[in-house]
Protein backbone atom coordinates (compact mmCIF):
# COMPACT_ATOMS: atom_id res chain seq x y z
CA MET A 1 -9.80 -22.33 17.91
CA ALA A 2 -11.94 -24.53 16.27
CA GLU A 3 -14.59 -23.32 13.98
CA ARG A 4 -18.16 -24.25 13.74
CA SER A 5 -21.22 -23.16 11.72
CA THR A 6 -25.00 -23.46 12.79
CA ALA A 7 -25.69 -23.42 9.06
CA ALA A 8 -23.73 -26.60 8.48
CA VAL A 9 -26.15 -28.61 6.46
CA ASP A 10 -25.79 -30.41 3.46
CA VAL A 11 -25.86 -28.96 -0.05
CA ALA A 12 -27.61 -30.04 -3.14
CA ASP A 13 -25.35 -31.68 -5.85
CA ASN A 14 -25.60 -29.68 -9.14
CA SER A 15 -23.57 -32.31 -11.29
CA GLY A 16 -21.54 -29.57 -12.83
CA GLU A 17 -24.84 -27.36 -13.74
CA GLN A 18 -25.24 -24.12 -12.55
CA PRO A 19 -26.12 -24.00 -8.76
CA LEU A 20 -29.98 -24.22 -7.86
CA THR A 21 -29.95 -20.76 -6.24
CA ALA A 22 -28.30 -19.46 -9.69
CA LYS A 23 -31.52 -20.89 -11.67
CA ALA A 24 -33.91 -18.64 -9.44
CA ASP A 25 -35.42 -15.35 -10.62
CA GLN A 26 -35.52 -14.01 -7.30
CA SER A 27 -34.19 -14.77 -3.63
CA THR A 28 -34.74 -13.80 -0.30
CA ALA A 29 -35.20 -9.96 0.46
CA ASP A 30 -34.59 -9.84 4.29
CA GLY A 31 -36.19 -6.61 4.65
CA VAL A 32 -35.53 -4.21 1.89
CA ALA A 33 -38.66 -2.77 0.29
CA LYS A 34 -38.87 -2.91 -3.74
CA ASN A 35 -35.34 -4.33 -3.70
CA PRO A 36 -35.77 -8.18 -3.75
CA GLU A 37 -32.40 -10.01 -3.84
CA ARG A 38 -31.41 -11.15 -6.99
CA ASP A 39 -29.88 -14.56 -6.79
CA THR A 40 -27.29 -14.66 -9.28
CA ASP A 41 -24.13 -15.85 -7.67
CA GLY A 42 -22.65 -19.65 -8.06
CA ASP A 43 -22.16 -20.65 -4.34
CA GLY A 44 -18.83 -21.49 -5.15
CA ALA A 45 -17.93 -17.80 -5.24
CA GLN A 46 -18.39 -18.03 -1.60
CA GLY A 47 -16.74 -20.96 -0.63
CA SER A 48 -19.34 -23.33 -0.01
CA ASP A 49 -19.47 -27.37 -0.52
CA ALA A 50 -21.76 -29.48 -2.24
CA LYS A 51 -21.84 -32.79 -0.01
CA GLY A 52 -24.85 -34.59 -1.46
CA SER A 53 -28.43 -34.24 -3.19
CA LEU A 54 -31.37 -33.66 -1.29
CA LYS A 55 -34.86 -34.70 -2.00
CA GLN A 56 -36.80 -31.47 -1.65
CA ALA A 57 -40.21 -31.20 -0.36
CA SER A 58 -42.95 -29.28 -2.42
CA SER A 59 -43.29 -25.60 -1.66
CA PRO A 60 -46.70 -24.84 0.40
CA GLU A 61 -49.54 -23.43 -1.67
CA LEU A 62 -49.54 -20.10 -0.12
CA HIS A 63 -51.06 -16.95 -1.23
CA SER A 64 -51.64 -13.05 -0.63
CA GLY A 65 -53.90 -12.56 2.18
CA HIS A 66 -52.82 -16.11 4.10
CA LYS A 67 -52.50 -15.58 7.68
CA LEU A 68 -50.00 -17.52 9.84
CA ALA A 69 -50.46 -17.70 13.54
CA ARG A 70 -53.53 -15.44 12.93
CA ARG A 71 -51.11 -12.77 12.96
CA TYR A 72 -48.56 -12.76 10.08
CA ARG A 73 -50.56 -11.51 6.75
CA LEU A 74 -48.68 -12.30 3.75
CA GLU A 75 -48.68 -9.74 1.36
CA GLU A 76 -46.02 -10.42 -1.61
CA CYS A 77 -43.94 -13.30 -2.65
CA VAL A 78 -40.35 -12.20 -3.43
CA THR A 79 -38.98 -15.76 -3.62
CA ARG A 80 -40.19 -19.27 -4.63
CA LEU A 81 -36.98 -21.47 -4.70
CA ASP A 82 -35.83 -25.16 -3.81
CA GLY A 83 -38.89 -25.90 -1.84
CA PHE A 84 -39.48 -22.76 0.35
CA SER A 85 -40.62 -19.36 -0.39
CA SER A 86 -40.14 -15.91 1.14
CA TRP A 87 -42.66 -12.90 1.69
CA ARG A 88 -43.32 -9.77 2.74
CA ALA A 89 -45.91 -9.63 5.19
CA VAL A 90 -47.50 -7.37 8.12
CA ASP A 91 -47.80 -8.22 11.84
CA GLU A 92 -51.32 -7.36 12.42
CA LYS A 93 -50.70 -7.60 16.11
CA LEU A 94 -47.82 -4.63 16.03
CA ARG A 95 -48.93 -3.02 12.99
CA ARG A 96 -45.10 -3.52 11.39
CA ALA A 97 -43.77 -4.81 8.03
CA VAL A 98 -41.85 -7.91 8.46
CA GLY A 99 -40.41 -10.53 6.24
CA VAL A 100 -41.45 -14.65 6.50
CA HIS A 101 -39.44 -17.61 5.08
CA VAL A 102 -41.92 -20.62 4.84
CA LEU A 103 -41.35 -24.23 4.06
CA PRO A 104 -43.04 -27.30 4.61
CA ALA A 105 -41.97 -29.06 7.95
CA ASP A 106 -41.32 -32.18 6.45
CA HIS A 107 -38.38 -30.34 4.20
CA ALA A 108 -35.16 -31.83 4.59
CA ARG A 109 -33.75 -28.49 5.75
CA ALA A 110 -36.47 -27.63 8.18
CA ARG A 111 -34.58 -28.74 11.21
CA SER A 112 -31.40 -26.99 10.13
CA VAL A 113 -33.40 -23.65 9.16
CA LEU A 114 -35.12 -23.83 12.94
CA ALA A 115 -31.69 -24.10 14.68
CA ALA A 116 -30.10 -21.64 12.49
CA ALA A 117 -32.94 -18.93 13.15
CA ARG A 118 -33.31 -19.59 16.91
CA SER A 119 -29.46 -19.45 17.07
CA SER A 120 -29.33 -15.96 15.03
CA ALA A 121 -31.92 -14.71 17.31
CA LEU A 122 -30.29 -15.24 20.65
CA LEU A 123 -27.39 -13.39 19.20
CA GLY A 124 -29.38 -10.00 19.49
CA ASP A 125 -26.92 -8.00 17.79
CA PRO A 126 -28.42 -4.87 16.22
CA ARG A 127 -25.72 -4.75 13.75
CA PHE A 128 -28.05 -7.77 12.12
CA VAL A 129 -31.25 -7.94 10.62
CA GLN A 130 -33.06 -9.41 13.82
CA VAL A 131 -35.02 -12.75 13.55
CA LEU A 132 -38.16 -12.00 15.49
CA ASP A 133 -39.86 -15.55 15.68
CA ALA A 134 -39.27 -19.05 14.49
CA VAL A 135 -42.17 -21.64 14.61
CA GLU A 136 -43.43 -25.01 13.60
CA GLU A 137 -46.99 -25.03 13.20
CA ASN A 138 -49.69 -26.85 11.09
CA ASP A 139 -47.26 -28.92 8.94
CA LEU A 140 -45.29 -25.35 8.16
CA VAL A 141 -41.78 -23.85 9.52
CA TYR A 142 -41.85 -20.23 9.06
CA VAL A 143 -39.06 -17.62 10.49
CA VAL A 144 -40.27 -14.12 10.85
CA HIS A 145 -37.52 -11.31 10.55
CA GLU A 146 -37.38 -7.70 10.26
CA TRP A 147 -38.22 -5.59 7.06
CA LEU A 148 -36.19 -2.23 6.58
CA PRO A 149 -38.03 -0.01 4.24
CA ASP A 150 -35.37 2.82 4.57
CA ALA A 151 -32.34 0.57 3.91
CA THR A 152 -30.34 0.07 0.54
CA GLU A 153 -28.55 -2.90 -0.75
CA LEU A 154 -25.17 -2.58 -1.81
CA THR A 155 -25.85 -4.27 -4.76
CA THR A 156 -27.98 -1.08 -5.67
CA LEU A 157 -25.44 1.47 -4.47
CA LEU A 158 -22.90 -0.26 -6.85
CA THR A 159 -24.98 0.68 -9.97
CA ALA A 160 -24.28 4.33 -9.53
CA GLY A 161 -20.41 3.46 -9.21
CA PRO A 162 -17.71 2.58 -6.84
CA LEU A 163 -18.12 3.65 -3.11
CA GLU A 164 -16.05 6.85 -1.99
CA PRO A 165 -13.17 5.84 0.19
CA HIS A 166 -14.41 6.71 3.40
CA ASP A 167 -18.00 4.76 2.79
CA ALA A 168 -15.85 1.69 1.94
CA TYR A 169 -14.11 2.19 4.94
CA GLN A 170 -16.88 2.36 7.15
CA MET A 171 -18.86 -0.73 5.33
CA VAL A 172 -15.92 -3.02 5.72
CA SER A 173 -15.25 -1.95 9.32
CA GLN A 174 -18.86 -2.33 10.21
CA VAL A 175 -19.32 -5.66 8.95
CA ALA A 176 -15.88 -7.31 9.97
CA SER A 177 -16.82 -6.22 13.65
CA ALA A 178 -20.24 -7.91 13.16
CA MET A 179 -19.03 -10.87 11.81
CA ALA A 180 -16.24 -11.11 14.64
CA ALA A 181 -19.10 -10.85 17.23
CA ALA A 182 -21.22 -13.51 15.07
CA HIS A 183 -18.06 -15.93 14.95
CA ARG A 184 -17.29 -15.52 18.62
CA GLU A 185 -20.79 -16.89 19.34
CA GLY A 186 -20.21 -19.79 16.98
CA LEU A 187 -22.31 -18.33 14.25
CA ALA A 188 -21.50 -18.02 10.40
CA HIS A 189 -23.26 -16.38 7.29
CA LEU A 190 -21.48 -18.43 4.64
CA ARG A 191 -23.67 -16.35 2.15
CA LEU A 192 -22.30 -12.67 2.67
CA ASN A 193 -22.58 -10.82 -0.63
CA PRO A 194 -23.51 -7.30 -1.57
CA ASN A 195 -27.19 -8.55 -1.52
CA ALA A 196 -26.77 -9.26 2.07
CA VAL A 197 -24.92 -6.20 3.04
CA LEU A 198 -27.75 -2.68 3.59
CA ARG A 199 -27.08 0.75 4.51
CA THR A 200 -29.76 2.72 6.53
CA SER A 201 -30.69 6.03 6.09
CA THR A 202 -28.63 6.97 9.21
CA GLY A 203 -25.48 5.50 7.27
CA GLN A 204 -25.08 2.47 9.24
CA TRP A 205 -24.50 -0.99 7.54
CA ARG A 206 -26.56 -4.28 8.50
CA ILE A 207 -26.15 -7.63 7.60
CA ARG A 208 -29.26 -9.86 6.83
CA GLY A 209 -29.69 -13.58 6.63
CA LEU A 210 -26.99 -14.66 9.22
CA ALA A 211 -27.29 -18.43 9.04
CA VAL A 212 -30.55 -18.69 7.96
CA ASN A 213 -29.71 -18.04 4.11
CA ALA A 214 -27.05 -20.37 4.37
CA ALA A 215 -29.48 -23.08 6.01
CA LEU A 216 -32.53 -22.49 3.72
CA ARG A 217 -30.03 -23.25 0.53
CA GLY A 218 -28.15 -25.89 2.29
CA ILE A 219 -25.02 -24.43 2.28
CA SER A 220 -22.13 -25.20 4.56
CA SER A 221 -18.40 -24.90 5.06
CA ASP A 222 -15.61 -26.52 6.79
CA THR A 223 -13.84 -23.15 7.48
CA PRO A 224 -16.74 -20.69 8.09
CA GLN A 225 -14.45 -18.13 9.58
CA ARG A 226 -12.21 -18.18 6.32
CA THR A 227 -14.99 -18.31 4.15
CA ASP A 228 -16.70 -15.11 5.61
CA THR A 229 -13.47 -13.27 5.75
CA GLU A 230 -13.07 -13.87 2.30
CA ALA A 231 -16.72 -12.71 1.42
CA ILE A 232 -15.86 -9.57 3.29
CA GLY A 233 -12.95 -9.12 0.92
CA ALA A 234 -15.00 -9.59 -2.16
CA LEU A 235 -17.39 -6.84 -0.82
CA LEU A 236 -14.59 -4.34 -0.32
CA TYR A 237 -12.95 -5.35 -3.67
CA ALA A 238 -16.59 -4.71 -5.55
CA ALA A 239 -17.10 -1.26 -3.41
CA LEU A 240 -13.90 -0.19 -4.59
CA THR A 241 -13.65 -1.21 -8.25
CA GLN A 242 -17.36 -1.73 -9.11
CA ARG A 243 -16.18 -5.39 -10.11
CA TRP A 244 -16.82 -8.47 -8.92
CA PRO A 245 -13.27 -10.42 -8.14
CA TYR A 246 -13.85 -13.83 -9.82
CA GLU A 247 -14.40 -14.66 -13.60
CA ASN A 248 -17.95 -15.07 -13.41
CA ASP A 249 -20.21 -11.79 -13.58
CA ALA A 250 -22.66 -11.59 -10.45
CA TYR A 251 -24.85 -9.25 -8.49
CA GLY A 252 -24.97 -6.64 -11.77
CA LEU A 253 -20.85 -6.57 -11.62
CA SER A 254 -18.77 -7.53 -14.11
CA GLY A 255 -16.36 -10.30 -13.29
CA LEU A 256 -12.62 -10.04 -14.16
CA PRO A 257 -10.91 -10.84 -17.24
CA LYS A 258 -10.12 -14.70 -17.77
CA ASP A 259 -6.65 -16.04 -17.43
CA ILE A 260 -5.16 -13.06 -15.80
CA GLY A 261 -6.26 -14.26 -11.81
CA LEU A 262 -6.89 -12.13 -9.23
CA ILE A 263 -5.19 -8.38 -9.10
CA ALA A 264 -5.14 -5.88 -6.74
CA PRO A 265 -8.06 -3.25 -6.97
CA ASP A 266 -5.90 -0.48 -7.63
CA GLN A 267 -4.88 -2.26 -10.89
CA VAL A 268 -8.13 -2.69 -11.85
CA ARG A 269 -9.17 1.12 -11.30
CA ALA A 270 -7.16 4.28 -11.04
CA GLY A 271 -7.53 6.43 -7.99
CA VAL A 272 -8.50 3.51 -5.60
CA HIS A 273 -7.48 4.20 -1.93
CA ARG A 274 -3.85 2.03 -1.63
CA GLY A 275 -4.42 0.99 1.91
CA LEU A 276 -7.68 -0.36 1.16
CA SER A 277 -6.76 -2.08 -1.75
CA GLU A 278 -4.06 -3.85 0.37
CA LEU A 279 -6.93 -4.84 2.86
CA ALA A 280 -9.14 -6.58 0.25
CA MET A 281 -6.17 -8.27 -0.79
CA ARG A 282 -5.21 -9.90 2.67
CA ALA A 283 -8.72 -10.80 3.06
CA LEU A 284 -8.89 -12.66 -0.42
CA VAL A 285 -5.75 -14.16 0.08
CA ASN A 286 -7.72 -17.39 0.78
CA ASP A 287 -8.54 -17.81 -2.85
CA GLY A 288 -4.81 -18.33 -3.73
CA ALA A 289 -3.83 -14.82 -4.20
CA THR A 290 -0.42 -13.41 -2.91
CA ALA A 291 -0.32 -11.41 -0.25
CA SER A 292 0.08 -7.66 -1.03
CA ARG A 293 3.40 -6.44 -0.36
CA HIS A 294 4.01 -9.44 1.89
CA GLU A 295 1.44 -8.53 4.34
CA ALA A 296 -0.04 -11.53 6.47
CA PRO A 297 -3.23 -12.77 5.21
CA CYS A 298 -6.41 -12.36 7.06
CA THR A 299 -8.36 -15.50 7.41
CA THR A 300 -10.77 -14.75 10.44
CA PRO A 301 -13.06 -11.60 10.68
CA GLU A 302 -11.00 -10.77 14.02
CA GLU A 303 -7.59 -10.60 12.29
CA LEU A 304 -9.62 -8.49 9.81
CA VAL A 305 -10.66 -6.01 12.45
CA LYS A 306 -7.14 -6.02 13.79
CA ALA A 307 -5.79 -5.09 10.53
CA ILE A 308 -8.50 -2.30 9.92
CA SER A 309 -7.56 -0.66 13.39
CA GLU A 310 -3.86 -0.16 12.27
CA MET A 311 -4.67 1.56 9.26
CA PRO A 312 -4.27 5.64 9.23
CA ARG A 313 -7.93 7.10 9.63
CA ILE A 314 -9.45 7.93 6.37
CA ARG A 315 -11.38 11.37 6.59
CA PRO A 316 -14.54 11.75 5.09
CA PRO A 317 -14.85 14.05 1.87
CA GLU A 318 -15.04 17.65 2.19
CA PRO A 319 -18.74 18.85 1.82
CA THR A 320 -19.41 20.63 -1.40
CA PHE A 321 -21.48 23.83 -1.69
CA THR A 322 -23.56 25.27 -4.36
CA ALA A 323 -22.47 28.56 -5.57
CA PRO A 324 -25.27 30.94 -5.46
CA PRO A 325 -26.97 32.44 -8.25
CA GLU A 326 -25.80 35.52 -10.11
CA TYR A 327 -26.75 38.78 -8.50
CA GLN A 328 -29.73 40.35 -10.58
CA ARG A 329 -31.15 43.61 -9.68
CA THR A 330 -34.87 43.66 -9.14
CA THR A 331 -37.34 46.21 -10.93
CA TYR A 332 -37.56 47.81 -7.51
CA GLN A 333 -33.85 48.44 -7.23
CA GLN A 334 -33.93 50.14 -10.81
CA GLY A 335 -36.33 52.54 -9.37
CA THR A 336 -39.38 51.44 -11.30
CA TYR A 337 -41.45 49.86 -8.83
CA GLY A 338 -44.97 51.17 -8.80
CA ARG A 339 -44.28 53.22 -12.11
CA PRO A 340 -45.33 52.60 -15.54
CA PRO A 341 -42.34 51.64 -18.09
CA VAL A 342 -40.48 54.35 -19.71
CA HIS A 343 -40.31 53.99 -23.53
CA PRO A 344 -36.67 53.66 -25.01
CA GLY A 345 -35.43 57.32 -25.89
CA ALA A 346 -38.22 59.20 -23.77
CA PRO A 347 -36.75 61.63 -20.89
CA GLN A 348 -37.33 60.19 -17.54
CA PRO A 349 -39.92 62.62 -15.79
CA ILE A 350 -38.32 64.21 -12.69
CA ALA A 351 -41.02 64.48 -9.71
CA PRO A 352 -41.04 67.94 -7.88
CA PRO A 353 -40.07 68.06 -4.32
CA PRO A 354 -42.84 68.86 -2.10
CA PRO A 355 -43.41 72.34 -1.06
CA PRO A 356 -41.82 73.74 2.34
CA LEU A 357 -43.95 74.77 5.15
CA GLN A 358 -44.74 78.15 4.29
CA SER A 359 -47.98 78.62 5.88
CA ARG A 360 -48.29 80.19 9.38
CA THR A 361 -49.12 76.97 10.68
CA GLY A 362 -46.10 75.49 9.18
CA LYS A 363 -43.99 78.43 10.72
CA ALA A 364 -45.71 77.91 14.16
CA LEU A 365 -44.69 74.31 14.20
CA LYS A 366 -40.97 74.64 13.17
CA TRP A 367 -40.69 77.45 16.23
CA ALA A 368 -42.21 74.77 18.74
CA VAL A 369 -40.19 71.92 17.56
CA SER A 370 -36.81 74.35 17.90
CA ALA A 371 -37.86 75.28 21.21
CA LEU A 372 -38.44 71.76 22.42
CA LEU A 373 -34.82 70.69 20.83
CA ILE A 374 -33.26 73.69 22.90
CA ALA A 375 -34.84 72.82 26.16
CA ALA A 376 -33.86 68.86 25.82
CA LEU A 377 -30.38 69.95 24.91
CA GLY A 378 -30.08 72.29 28.13
CA LEU A 379 -31.45 69.38 30.29
CA GLY A 380 -28.97 66.92 29.10
CA SER A 381 -26.10 69.44 29.74
CA TRP A 382 -26.93 69.98 33.23
CA GLN A 383 -27.16 66.20 33.93
CA LEU A 384 -23.96 65.55 32.34
CA ALA A 385 -21.99 68.02 34.29
CA ASP A 386 -23.64 67.14 37.44
CA ALA A 387 -22.78 63.37 37.02
CA LEU A 388 -18.79 64.68 36.21
CA MET A 389 -18.99 66.56 39.37
CA ASP A 390 -19.70 63.58 41.43
CA GLN A 391 -17.15 61.24 39.75
CA SER A 392 -14.19 64.04 40.61
CA GLY A 393 -14.96 63.82 44.16
CA LYS A 394 -13.80 59.85 44.25
CA SER A 395 -10.39 58.77 45.06
CA ASN A 396 -7.99 58.58 42.08
CA ASP A 397 -5.75 56.06 44.59
CA THR A 398 -8.75 53.65 44.55
CA ASN A 399 -9.20 53.45 40.70
CA LYS A 400 -5.40 53.02 40.51
CA SER A 401 -5.42 50.19 42.70
CA GLN A 402 -8.56 48.38 41.05
CA THR A 403 -6.90 48.90 37.81
CA THR A 404 -3.57 47.28 39.08
CA ASP A 405 -5.30 44.15 40.48
CA ASP A 406 -7.45 43.55 37.65
CA GLY A 407 -4.15 43.71 35.52
CA ASP A 408 -2.67 41.43 37.92
CA LYS A 409 -5.05 38.78 37.51
CA THR A 410 -5.13 38.89 33.78
CA ALA A 411 -1.57 38.71 33.55
CA GLY A 412 -1.38 35.74 35.91
CA ARG A 413 -3.85 33.66 34.29
CA PRO A 414 -2.13 30.95 32.26
CA LYS A 415 -2.53 30.63 28.72
CA THR A 416 -3.92 27.24 27.34
CA THR A 417 -3.07 25.89 24.16
CA PRO A 418 -4.99 22.78 22.16
CA ILE A 419 -2.85 19.90 21.60
CA LYS A 420 -3.70 18.11 18.06
CA ILE A 421 -4.00 14.38 18.38
CA GLN A 422 -1.97 12.38 15.63
CA GLY A 423 -3.27 8.94 16.22
CA GLY A 424 -5.03 6.66 18.67
CA GLN A 425 -5.27 3.01 19.52
CA GLU A 426 -7.66 1.12 21.91
CA PHE A 427 -6.02 -0.22 24.92
CA VAL A 428 -6.99 -3.77 26.13
CA ALA A 429 -6.05 -4.76 29.50
CA LYS A 430 -8.36 -7.79 29.84
CA GLY A 431 -10.95 -9.44 27.63
CA ASP A 432 -12.15 -8.72 24.16
CA ALA A 433 -11.79 -4.81 22.55
CA GLN A 434 -14.63 -2.53 22.26
CA SER A 435 -14.83 -0.80 19.03
CA PRO A 436 -11.23 -0.72 17.65
CA GLY A 437 -12.20 0.38 14.41
CA ASP A 438 -14.21 3.28 15.58
CA VAL A 439 -11.10 4.86 17.55
CA ALA A 440 -10.41 7.82 15.10
CA LYS A 441 -14.10 9.04 15.27
CA THR A 442 -12.76 10.53 18.71
CA TYR A 443 -10.90 12.96 17.25
CA ASP A 444 -12.07 13.48 13.70
CA GLY A 445 -13.75 16.87 14.16
CA ASN A 446 -17.27 15.35 14.16
CA PRO A 447 -19.37 15.39 17.46
CA SER A 448 -22.26 13.23 15.56
CA THR A 449 -19.37 10.06 15.23
CA TYR A 450 -18.62 7.90 18.23
CA TRP A 451 -16.48 5.34 19.63
CA LYS A 452 -18.56 2.73 21.99
CA THR A 453 -18.25 0.32 24.52
CA LYS A 454 -19.84 -2.81 24.79
CA SER A 455 -23.26 -3.11 27.39
CA PHE A 456 -22.86 -4.36 30.50
CA ASN A 457 -25.17 -6.19 32.66
CA GLU A 458 -24.16 -4.48 36.12
CA GLY A 459 -22.51 -1.07 36.88
CA PRO A 460 -21.78 1.80 36.98
CA SER A 461 -18.52 -0.04 37.72
CA ILE A 462 -17.26 -1.77 34.83
CA ALA A 463 -15.37 -4.17 37.01
CA PRO A 464 -15.16 -7.36 37.66
CA TYR A 465 -15.84 -7.86 33.84
CA LYS A 466 -12.60 -5.46 33.27
CA PRO A 467 -10.64 -3.21 35.12
CA GLY A 468 -11.85 -0.52 32.30
CA VAL A 469 -11.98 0.29 28.72
CA GLY A 470 -10.14 3.21 26.91
CA ILE A 471 -7.91 4.74 24.10
CA VAL A 472 -4.10 5.34 23.87
CA TYR A 473 -3.82 8.85 21.97
CA ASP A 474 -0.67 10.18 20.20
CA LEU A 475 -0.01 13.69 20.83
CA GLY A 476 2.82 13.80 18.13
CA SER A 477 5.67 14.69 20.68
CA SER A 478 6.28 15.02 24.28
CA THR A 479 3.99 17.48 25.78
CA GLU A 480 3.04 18.86 29.07
CA LEU A 481 -0.52 18.24 29.25
CA GLY A 482 -3.02 20.36 31.32
CA THR A 483 -6.58 19.33 30.39
CA ALA A 484 -8.67 16.50 28.99
CA THR A 485 -12.04 17.26 27.65
CA VAL A 486 -14.19 13.89 26.75
CA ASN A 487 -17.62 14.80 25.24
CA LEU A 488 -19.81 11.54 26.21
CA ARG A 489 -23.02 10.25 24.58
CA TYR A 490 -24.86 9.05 27.74
CA GLY A 491 -25.55 11.02 30.70
CA GLY A 492 -26.57 9.50 34.20
CA ASP A 493 -25.28 8.00 37.50
CA HIS A 494 -22.20 7.92 36.59
CA THR A 495 -19.21 7.97 34.33
CA THR A 496 -15.50 7.94 35.75
CA VAL A 497 -12.70 9.10 33.69
CA GLU A 498 -9.04 8.45 34.36
CA LEU A 499 -5.88 9.79 32.45
CA TYR A 500 -2.72 8.13 32.45
CA ALA A 501 0.80 8.79 30.88
CA ALA A 502 2.22 5.92 28.80
CA ASP A 503 5.62 5.35 26.94
CA SER A 504 4.31 4.05 23.92
CA LEU A 505 0.68 3.62 21.27
CA ASN A 506 0.50 0.05 22.84
CA PRO A 507 1.79 -0.30 26.63
CA PRO A 508 2.19 -3.47 28.03
CA SER A 509 -0.26 -2.95 31.08
CA LEU A 510 -2.14 -0.46 33.12
CA ASP A 511 0.36 -0.78 36.11
CA SER A 512 3.33 0.61 33.52
CA MET A 513 1.67 3.81 32.97
CA THR A 514 1.57 6.79 35.49
CA ARG A 515 -2.00 8.02 36.61
CA MET A 516 -2.39 11.82 35.91
CA GLY A 517 -5.88 12.53 37.22
CA SER A 518 -9.65 11.50 37.30
CA ALA A 519 -13.02 13.15 36.84
CA THR A 520 -16.73 11.69 37.52
CA THR A 521 -19.95 13.17 35.97
CA THR A 522 -23.42 12.47 35.54
CA GLY A 523 -23.40 14.81 32.60
CA THR A 524 -22.46 14.55 28.86
CA THR A 525 -18.80 15.87 29.19
CA ALA A 526 -15.98 15.10 31.51
CA THR A 527 -13.15 17.65 32.31
CA VAL A 528 -10.00 15.97 33.70
CA LYS A 529 -7.26 18.19 34.99
CA VAL A 530 -3.87 17.07 35.38
CA GLY A 531 -2.59 17.16 38.78
CA LYS A 532 0.93 16.05 37.78
CA GLN A 533 3.29 18.38 35.86
CA LEU A 534 4.92 15.78 33.70
CA LYS A 535 5.72 15.38 29.97
CA THR A 536 4.31 13.03 27.73
CA ARG A 537 3.67 11.91 24.35
CA TYR A 538 1.36 9.12 24.72
CA VAL A 539 -1.94 9.60 26.76
CA LEU A 540 -4.58 6.93 27.93
CA VAL A 541 -8.22 8.24 28.30
CA TRP A 542 -9.53 5.39 30.82
CA LEU A 543 -13.21 4.72 31.70
CA THR A 544 -13.75 2.80 34.91
CA ALA A 545 -17.20 3.64 35.49
CA VAL A 546 -20.32 3.90 33.20
CA PRO A 547 -24.05 4.91 33.05
CA ASN A 548 -27.16 3.06 32.42
CA SER A 549 -28.99 3.86 29.49
CA GLY A 550 -31.65 1.98 27.09
CA TYR A 551 -31.42 0.91 23.56
CA ASP A 552 -29.65 3.25 21.23
CA SER A 553 -30.88 3.12 17.65
CA GLN A 554 -28.27 5.31 15.91
CA LEU A 555 -25.27 3.12 17.55
CA TYR A 556 -27.39 -0.29 17.53
CA ALA A 557 -26.11 -0.25 21.04
CA SER A 558 -28.28 -2.46 23.37
CA ALA A 559 -29.40 -1.37 26.85
CA GLY A 560 -27.46 -1.63 29.71
CA TYR A 561 -24.29 0.04 31.29
CA LYS A 562 -22.28 1.61 28.38
CA GLN A 563 -20.87 4.58 27.29
CA ALA A 564 -19.78 6.25 24.05
CA ILE A 565 -17.27 8.87 23.28
CA GLY A 566 -17.75 11.43 20.91
CA GLU A 567 -14.61 13.96 20.84
CA VAL A 568 -11.82 14.24 23.05
CA LYS A 569 -9.67 17.54 23.08
CA PHE A 570 -6.15 18.01 25.23
CA THR A 571 -4.95 21.23 26.05
CA GLY A 572 -1.33 22.19 27.38
């Protein structure tokens, strides 16, 4: 497939000097409050090309308080570079913070910036920082985008040290899946670096500056998919080692020692996850490295997504609990509460016991209480004897019959045994995959993580878009399956789940499998009981109908007909 980039515009000729971006004090901050992007990288590290010089127009004279379109009030300039400026602003109409890029309409890159911004806005993928507006007005071109005050750059996260293996896996999985979706629509990033990758407070990863950042700086590439794939490999390398995989220092990270070439992350730092180390090398092979252990290199984000889905799942770290403070006795427990302190060596005063009831009134009270107790005991004994006499008149045969019936019912119930899932892989009968990197989330024991489908325009039946979507699970050995319980995220009319017995984790087609049962639900749990008694090791959980729901901010799922699976459990 021919590759193309919407950010394909000319790049200034630097004549062997540092790139213009490297001379800037700061660059675009696409939505991170108090964390402006530090433009310290050379474009060469990202695989961009210098194709000619550009005559830059002067940056427009703007100031804090200036309004664009009588709506966007500029607050703080975070970048002034190469003829354009970037601002933190306020959308007074919707009362929210936004980011704005501004450049003169006669700027040599103005047309390319507008085209890139409008193409990025049409993508509408919530995994990217969204372009909200792209306008040419009053001799100015400005691009308005989201501002994410709760997000943190990967650059900032790496100042504290490398990421945990599970965090690094989530980062590369989500970034690769997002870029694969962008390239399917013909969009490239070309400036995918630690400043452009953000982690939100909910743990989701988002990418800013798709196509726009490259267009602002005049960056292009003849192989945009390869360029972005290598950039993802560099992000993973940095996340695992806290080092930049090139000789030059960048983004607050030290580069590799000179004259040793590109070495695997597990050779740079001890304790690096071996599978993630190999994955980083397979993506960075584009820079001339040798593929680790002779694995095929990944030259497109789609190939990288496939490689991630084939990896064994990486479990999140076990939570750590703080030990409770050492037990200390209080003064109340020591018996001094409300008393004056006793000097050491002084004998402890002993309080005399209260005097007994020796008066006439006390004796009368004792006799009255005793009489009441005797009367109560007599009444209770009489009621108990009466109840026992009634019970003795009942037939013993009836009691024996009931006991026998109950015992037979209990003995006749089949015992269910949970079956542990050993692995899983998304099954694609037609078209593209859904979320192959998230399959393991359906059996990780965490009900708050999900594998999700795409959003469809019509439904509930997924056909004719696809015959269905689903996951093939490996049960470890041939097992007689009884029930499958599927926890769903979205309720509504309606979800249909079908079960199929497969011969392998990667069956050739739906027709090659045996249908075992189905269930339809409007709730968030689907229980499928197997109608046929057969043994199988591989089971396909197949969705053929999904409900309609609105935009999901937690999973970044667009409105439409969709479903997400939290946990799948099998019993035999």
